[in-house]
Amino acid sequence: MRKIVVIVIFLSALLSHGQTRKDTLQAFANLGWNNYEKGDYAAAEKYFRQALQFGNSDTVQYNLAASLLQQNRKNEALEHFSQVAKISTNDSLKADAWHNMGNIYFEKKQYDKAVEAYKNSLRLRPGDDETRYNYALAKEKLKQQQKQNKNKKNKKDKKNKNNKDNKNNQNKNHKQNKKDNRNNKDNQNKNQDQNKKNRKDQNQQNKNQKNKDQKNKDQNKQNQKNQGDKKKNQDQDQNKGQKKDDQQKQKSGNQKDKSQQPQGQGNQKQPQQPKKQKSKLSPEETKRLLQALKNKENQTLKKVKLRKAKTAKRKKSEKDW
């Protein structure tokens, strides 16, 4: 604190019969000053406030601010010093008020306001070395503070940017994951549908193949049955034809024997050849059938020759006999 304005007032004036408001103000101000010098700043504050009830004095305001400052009530002191700077017409008192305001701002590390307060004080009292020193110190502190704030701001901005980037990346990853999950789910559903369709198609193919195999089996069975029936009929027809051939040959033999006898009898009927049936067989079946007939015919011819031989021998024996 710069200084305290001393108000010299005789206490007898307070007790005089004809005192005025101004005199009362000065009497209380004097009591406040006495307590201030004793170090009783709370009592000094009380008397200075009582003094201001009888009038607004820049000097009493200043002394009240000084008492508050001594009690470390800086914000209240700042208000009263500010009042002094506004209402006082005394440049020296105003310079002191600005100086003390600069000190308060400096202690609160509000260096920008401290610089302005010291600057205002120097305008009113340019030769004050203490204020000039405080002004230079406040400027240096302000410069350091601004640099720190800038670094702090840059660090904060970088942190915010990183947080924002991380958040954006997280959102992007979340969206991508969500999209991938959706695609995976769609693909899974699609694969399930395709697998279901494939199973259905496979089942249908198996069913169709089974039906086809069964149909082929039935067809083969029917074909085998038909071939068996045809072969049976062919064998029957062949046996019937062979029987007729044998009968015809036997009849031809008998007719040969009768040819040596006197003729005059009616014409003999010629044996009829068996009628050929139209074949409904395939070329391979026809070929096999023809080969079987040929084999059968060869066997038949052998039998016929054997039979003829036996017949001729028997007739010869009869003639000899």
Protein backbone atom coordinates (compact mmCIF):
# COMPACT_ATOMS: atom_id res chain seq x y z
CA MET A 1 0.00 0.00 0.00
CA ARG A 2 1.25 3.40 -0.94
CA LYS A 3 0.18 5.56 1.96
CA ILE A 4 -2.63 6.58 4.27
CA VAL A 5 -4.02 10.08 4.16
CA VAL A 6 -3.92 11.56 7.63
CA ILE A 7 -6.89 13.60 8.64
CA VAL A 8 -6.14 15.82 11.59
CA ILE A 9 -9.31 16.48 13.44
CA PHE A 10 -9.62 17.36 17.07
CA LEU A 11 -11.95 15.08 18.97
CA SER A 12 -13.30 18.10 20.75
CA ALA A 13 -14.92 19.14 17.49
CA LEU A 14 -17.00 15.96 17.59
CA LEU A 15 -18.30 16.94 21.01
CA SER A 16 -18.90 20.59 20.25
CA HIS A 17 -22.44 21.77 20.32
CA GLY A 18 -22.48 23.31 16.89
CA GLN A 19 -20.94 20.45 14.86
CA THR A 20 -21.97 19.91 11.21
CA ARG A 21 -22.11 16.75 9.01
CA LYS A 22 -18.76 17.57 7.62
CA ASP A 23 -17.33 17.85 11.10
CA THR A 24 -18.86 14.48 12.07
CA LEU A 25 -17.35 12.90 8.93
CA GLN A 26 -13.93 14.25 9.83
CA ALA A 27 -14.31 13.14 13.48
CA PHE A 28 -15.08 9.51 12.48
CA ALA A 29 -12.33 9.60 9.87
CA ASN A 30 -9.89 10.68 12.58
CA LEU A 31 -10.96 7.80 14.82
CA GLY A 32 -10.47 5.43 11.90
CA TRP A 33 -6.97 6.75 11.32
CA ASN A 34 -6.02 6.36 14.98
CA ASN A 35 -7.10 2.66 14.95
CA TYR A 36 -5.30 2.12 11.65
CA GLU A 37 -2.01 3.31 13.16
CA LYS A 38 -2.54 0.96 16.09
CA GLY A 39 -2.93 -1.92 13.65
CA ASP A 40 -6.59 -2.44 14.47
CA TYR A 41 -7.73 -2.49 10.85
CA ALA A 42 -11.18 -3.83 11.61
CA ALA A 43 -11.93 -0.89 13.96
CA ALA A 44 -10.43 1.51 11.43
CA GLU A 45 -12.73 0.06 8.76
CA LYS A 46 -15.72 0.57 11.08
CA TYR A 47 -14.99 4.28 11.69
CA PHE A 48 -14.21 4.96 8.04
CA ARG A 49 -17.57 3.48 7.04
CA GLN A 50 -19.34 5.60 9.68
CA ALA A 51 -17.60 8.67 8.32
CA LEU A 52 -18.86 7.97 4.79
CA GLN A 53 -22.44 8.03 6.12
CA PHE A 54 -22.05 11.79 6.53
CA GLY A 55 -20.64 12.44 3.08
CA ASN A 56 -18.64 10.99 0.20
CA SER A 57 -14.98 11.78 0.66
CA ASP A 58 -12.25 10.55 -1.70
CA THR A 59 -9.78 10.59 1.20
CA VAL A 60 -12.03 8.49 3.48
CA GLN A 61 -12.73 6.09 0.56
CA TYR A 62 -8.99 5.67 0.02
CA ASN A 63 -8.33 5.04 3.77
CA LEU A 64 -11.22 2.50 3.90
CA ALA A 65 -9.72 0.67 0.88
CA ALA A 66 -6.34 0.64 2.64
CA SER A 67 -7.92 -0.88 5.80
CA LEU A 68 -9.62 -3.60 3.73
CA LEU A 69 -6.38 -4.33 1.90
CA GLN A 70 -4.60 -4.82 5.22
CA GLN A 71 -7.23 -7.44 6.06
CA ASN A 72 -6.48 -9.19 2.74
CA ARG A 73 -9.95 -8.36 1.43
CA LYS A 74 -8.57 -7.48 -1.97
CA ASN A 75 -11.75 -7.45 -3.99
CA GLU A 76 -13.51 -5.03 -1.61
CA ALA A 77 -10.39 -2.85 -1.47
CA LEU A 78 -10.30 -2.84 -5.27
CA GLU A 79 -13.85 -1.48 -5.42
CA HIS A 80 -13.04 1.47 -3.13
CA PHE A 81 -9.75 2.29 -4.88
CA SER A 82 -11.73 2.30 -8.12
CA GLN A 83 -14.21 4.77 -6.59
CA VAL A 84 -11.34 7.05 -5.61
CA ALA A 85 -9.96 6.94 -9.19
CA LYS A 86 -13.38 7.98 -10.49
CA ILE A 87 -14.44 10.75 -8.06
CA SER A 88 -11.17 12.28 -6.91
CA THR A 89 -9.88 15.52 -8.37
CA ASN A 90 -6.56 15.06 -6.64
CA ASP A 91 -4.09 13.64 -9.21
CA SER A 92 -1.69 12.42 -6.54
CA LEU A 93 -4.50 10.57 -4.69
CA LYS A 94 -5.74 9.11 -7.97
CA ALA A 95 -2.20 8.01 -8.90
CA ASP A 96 -1.88 6.24 -5.54
CA ALA A 97 -5.27 4.56 -6.07
CA TRP A 98 -4.22 3.32 -9.54
CA HIS A 99 -0.88 2.16 -8.14
CA ASN A 100 -2.58 0.09 -5.42
CA MET A 101 -5.05 -1.31 -7.94
CA GLY A 102 -2.06 -2.39 -10.04
CA ASN A 103 -0.59 -4.16 -7.02
CA ILE A 104 -3.84 -6.02 -6.35
CA TYR A 105 -4.13 -7.12 -9.99
CA PHE A 106 -0.47 -8.16 -9.98
CA GLU A 107 -1.00 -10.39 -6.91
CA LYS A 108 -4.07 -11.93 -8.57
CA LYS A 109 -1.88 -12.62 -11.65
CA GLN A 110 -4.15 -10.48 -13.79
CA TYR A 111 -1.10 -8.94 -15.44
CA ASP A 112 -2.97 -7.29 -18.31
CA LYS A 113 -5.09 -5.25 -15.84
CA ALA A 114 -2.04 -4.58 -13.66
CA VAL A 115 -0.20 -3.13 -16.68
CA GLU A 116 -3.14 -0.80 -17.45
CA ALA A 117 -3.42 0.31 -13.78
CA TYR A 118 0.31 1.11 -13.54
CA LYS A 119 0.12 2.90 -16.87
CA ASN A 120 -2.73 5.11 -15.60
CA SER A 121 -0.78 5.85 -12.47
CA LEU A 122 2.28 6.90 -14.51
CA ARG A 123 0.16 9.22 -16.64
CA LEU A 124 -0.80 11.09 -13.49
CA ARG A 125 2.67 10.89 -11.93
CA PRO A 126 5.32 10.09 -14.56
CA GLY A 127 8.30 10.40 -12.19
CA ASP A 128 7.24 7.61 -9.79
CA ASP A 129 10.09 5.07 -10.06
CA GLU A 130 8.32 2.42 -7.97
CA THR A 131 5.28 2.48 -10.28
CA ARG A 132 7.56 2.40 -13.34
CA TYR A 133 9.39 -0.66 -11.98
CA ASN A 134 6.11 -2.43 -11.22
CA TYR A 135 4.85 -1.53 -14.70
CA ALA A 136 7.91 -3.10 -16.39
CA LEU A 137 7.65 -6.20 -14.21
CA ALA A 138 3.96 -6.56 -14.96
CA LYS A 139 4.66 -6.27 -18.70
CA GLU A 140 7.24 -9.07 -18.51
CA LYS A 141 4.90 -11.26 -16.49
CA LEU A 142 2.14 -10.55 -18.98
CA LYS A 143 4.40 -11.58 -21.86
CA GLN A 144 5.29 -14.83 -20.13
CA GLN A 145 1.68 -15.44 -19.25
CA GLN A 146 0.55 -14.87 -22.81
CA LYS A 147 3.19 -17.30 -24.07
CA GLN A 148 2.13 -19.88 -21.51
CA ASN A 149 -1.51 -19.33 -22.33
CA LYS A 150 -0.72 -19.70 -26.01
CA ASN A 151 1.16 -22.92 -25.39
CA LYS A 152 -1.59 -24.07 -23.12
CA LYS A 153 -4.19 -23.11 -25.70
CA ASN A 154 -2.26 -24.88 -28.44
CA LYS A 155 -1.92 -27.93 -26.26
CA LYS A 156 -5.59 -27.79 -25.43
CA ASP A 157 -6.52 -27.26 -29.09
CA LYS A 158 -4.28 -30.16 -30.07
CA LYS A 159 -5.83 -32.29 -27.38
CA ASN A 160 -9.31 -31.26 -28.48
CA LYS A 161 -8.35 -31.95 -32.08
CA ASN A 162 -6.98 -35.35 -31.13
CA ASN A 163 -10.11 -36.05 -29.12
CA LYS A 164 -12.21 -34.90 -32.04
CA ASP A 165 -10.19 -37.01 -34.46
CA ASN A 166 -10.41 -39.97 -32.12
CA LYS A 167 -14.11 -39.45 -31.77
CA ASN A 168 -14.49 -39.13 -35.54
CA ASN A 169 -12.40 -42.26 -36.00
CA GLN A 170 -14.45 -44.05 -33.40
CA ASN A 171 -17.65 -42.94 -35.11
CA LYS A 172 -16.20 -43.91 -38.47
CA ASN A 173 -15.09 -47.28 -37.13
CA HIS A 174 -18.44 -47.74 -35.46
CA LYS A 175 -20.24 -46.96 -38.71
CA GLN A 176 -17.87 -49.22 -40.65
CA ASN A 177 -18.32 -52.01 -38.10
CA LYS A 178 -22.04 -51.52 -38.22
CA LYS A 179 -21.95 -51.62 -42.02
CA ASP A 180 -19.69 -54.69 -41.98
CA ASN A 181 -21.95 -56.41 -39.48
CA ARG A 182 -24.95 -55.58 -41.62
CA ASN A 183 -23.18 -56.86 -44.74
CA ASN A 184 -22.04 -59.99 -42.90
CA LYS A 185 -25.56 -60.58 -41.72
CA ASP A 186 -26.91 -60.03 -45.22
CA ASN A 187 -24.27 -62.37 -46.65
CA GLN A 188 -25.01 -64.90 -43.96
CA ASN A 189 -28.72 -64.70 -44.68
CA LYS A 190 -27.96 -64.89 -48.39
CA ASN A 191 -25.73 -67.91 -47.85
CA GLN A 192 -28.36 -69.54 -45.69
CA ASP A 193 -30.98 -68.92 -48.36
CA GLN A 194 -28.60 -70.23 -51.03
CA ASN A 195 -27.76 -73.29 -48.93
CA LYS A 196 -31.43 -73.87 -48.32
CA LYS A 197 -32.13 -73.54 -52.03
CA ASN A 198 -29.19 -75.84 -52.83
CA ARG A 199 -30.46 -78.43 -50.36
CA LYS A 200 -33.92 -78.15 -51.81
CA ASP A 201 -32.56 -78.48 -55.35
CA GLN A 202 -30.36 -81.40 -54.28
CA ASN A 203 -33.29 -83.09 -52.62
CA GLN A 204 -35.36 -82.55 -55.75
CA GLN A 205 -32.53 -83.88 -57.91
CA ASN A 206 -32.15 -86.90 -55.65
CA LYS A 207 -35.87 -87.45 -55.79
CA ASN A 208 -35.90 -87.08 -59.57
CA GLN A 209 -32.87 -89.39 -59.86
CA LYS A 210 -34.55 -91.90 -57.58
CA ASN A 211 -37.72 -91.73 -59.64
CA LYS A 212 -35.64 -92.04 -62.81
CA ASP A 213 -33.70 -94.99 -61.41
CA GLN A 214 -36.93 -96.62 -60.32
CA LYS A 215 -38.44 -95.96 -63.72
CA ASN A 216 -35.35 -97.39 -65.43
CA LYS A 217 -35.47 -100.36 -63.11
CA ASP A 218 -39.13 -100.90 -63.87
CA GLN A 219 -38.42 -100.43 -67.58
CA ASN A 220 -35.53 -102.90 -67.47
CA LYS A 221 -37.69 -105.33 -65.58
CA GLN A 222 -40.44 -104.89 -68.12
CA ASN A 223 -37.95 -105.21 -70.97
CA GLN A 224 -36.54 -108.37 -69.46
CA LYS A 225 -40.04 -109.72 -69.04
CA ASN A 226 -40.91 -108.78 -72.60
CA GLN A 227 -37.69 -110.37 -73.88
CA GLY A 228 -38.43 -113.48 -71.86
CA ASP A 229 -41.96 -113.60 -73.23
CA LYS A 230 -40.72 -113.03 -76.78
CA LYS A 231 -38.03 -115.64 -76.39
CA LYS A 232 -40.57 -118.05 -74.99
CA ASN A 233 -42.93 -117.32 -77.86
CA GLN A 234 -40.08 -117.64 -80.32
CA ASP A 235 -39.04 -120.96 -78.80
CA GLN A 236 -42.63 -122.13 -78.97
CA ASP A 237 -42.93 -120.97 -82.55
CA GLN A 238 -39.59 -122.57 -83.38
CA ASN A 239 -40.58 -125.85 -81.74
CA LYS A 240 -43.89 -125.73 -83.52
CA GLY A 241 -42.13 -125.04 -86.83
CA GLN A 242 -39.63 -127.79 -86.13
CA LYS A 243 -42.43 -130.15 -85.35
CA LYS A 244 -44.14 -129.24 -88.58
CA ASP A 245 -40.86 -129.68 -90.44
CA ASP A 246 -40.40 -133.06 -88.89
CA GLN A 247 -43.93 -134.01 -89.79
CA GLN A 248 -43.47 -132.69 -93.31
CA LYS A 249 -40.22 -134.52 -93.78
CA GLN A 250 -41.75 -137.65 -92.40
CA LYS A 251 -44.66 -137.21 -94.75
CA SER A 252 -42.27 -136.55 -97.61
CA GLY A 253 -40.50 -139.82 -96.76
CA ASN A 254 -43.76 -141.65 -96.76
CA GLN A 255 -44.69 -140.11 -100.08
CA LYS A 256 -41.35 -141.23 -101.50
CA ASP A 257 -42.10 -144.71 -100.43
CA LYS A 258 -45.53 -144.49 -101.99
CA SER A 259 -44.06 -143.14 -105.22
CA GLN A 260 -42.77 -146.64 -105.93
CA GLN A 261 -46.31 -147.93 -105.70
CA PRO A 262 -48.79 -147.62 -108.55
CA GLN A 263 -50.03 -144.15 -109.02
CA GLY A 264 -53.61 -143.24 -109.60
CA GLN A 265 -54.37 -141.78 -106.28
CA GLY A 266 -55.24 -138.13 -105.84
CA ASN A 267 -52.66 -135.39 -105.59
CA GLN A 268 -51.05 -135.06 -102.22
CA LYS A 269 -51.24 -131.71 -100.46
CA GLN A 270 -47.95 -129.95 -100.13
CA PRO A 271 -46.94 -129.07 -96.59
CA GLN A 272 -47.38 -125.37 -95.84
CA GLN A 273 -44.51 -123.31 -94.58
CA PRO A 274 -45.12 -121.60 -91.24
CA LYS A 275 -46.07 -117.97 -91.64
CA LYS A 276 -43.44 -115.48 -90.66
CA GLN A 277 -44.41 -113.03 -87.99
CA LYS A 278 -43.47 -109.44 -88.26
CA SER A 279 -40.65 -108.63 -85.94
CA LYS A 280 -40.99 -105.81 -83.48
CA LEU A 281 -37.51 -106.33 -82.14
CA SER A 282 -34.53 -104.00 -82.20
CA PRO A 283 -31.69 -104.67 -84.66
CA GLU A 284 -29.53 -106.21 -81.94
CA GLU A 285 -32.37 -108.39 -80.69
CA THR A 286 -33.14 -109.40 -84.29
CA LYS A 287 -29.50 -110.26 -84.87
CA ARG A 288 -29.38 -112.35 -81.72
CA LEU A 289 -32.64 -114.04 -82.65
CA LEU A 290 -31.40 -114.87 -86.17
CA GLN A 291 -28.21 -116.33 -84.72
CA ALA A 292 -30.27 -118.43 -82.30
CA LEU A 293 -32.50 -119.60 -85.15
CA LYS A 294 -29.46 -120.46 -87.22
CA ASN A 295 -27.99 -122.43 -84.34
CA LYS A 296 -31.33 -124.08 -83.77
CA GLU A 297 -31.62 -124.85 -87.48
CA ASN A 298 -28.20 -126.47 -87.51
CA GLN A 299 -29.19 -128.61 -84.57
CA THR A 300 -32.44 -129.46 -86.27
CA LEU A 301 -30.69 -130.44 -89.50
CA LYS A 302 -28.40 -132.74 -87.53
CA LYS A 303 -31.42 -134.35 -85.93
CA VAL A 304 -33.17 -134.65 -89.29
CA LYS A 305 -30.15 -136.31 -90.89
CA LEU A 306 -29.90 -138.65 -87.97
CA ARG A 307 -33.56 -139.43 -88.17
CA LYS A 308 -33.38 -140.00 -91.93
CA ALA A 309 -30.47 -142.32 -91.51
CA LYS A 310 -32.33 -144.33 -88.93
CA THR A 311 -35.41 -144.48 -91.14
CA ALA A 312 -33.50 -145.61 -94.20
CA LYS A 313 -31.84 -148.41 -92.26
CA ARG A 314 -35.13 -149.58 -90.91
CA LYS A 315 -36.67 -149.73 -94.39
CA LYS A 316 -33.76 -151.58 -95.81
CA SER A 317 -34.03 -154.15 -93.06
CA GLU A 318 -37.68 -154.57 -93.83
CA LYS A 319 -36.92 -155.26 -97.51
CA ASP A 320 -34.20 -157.70 -96.63
CA TRP A 321 -36.47 -159.31 -94.28
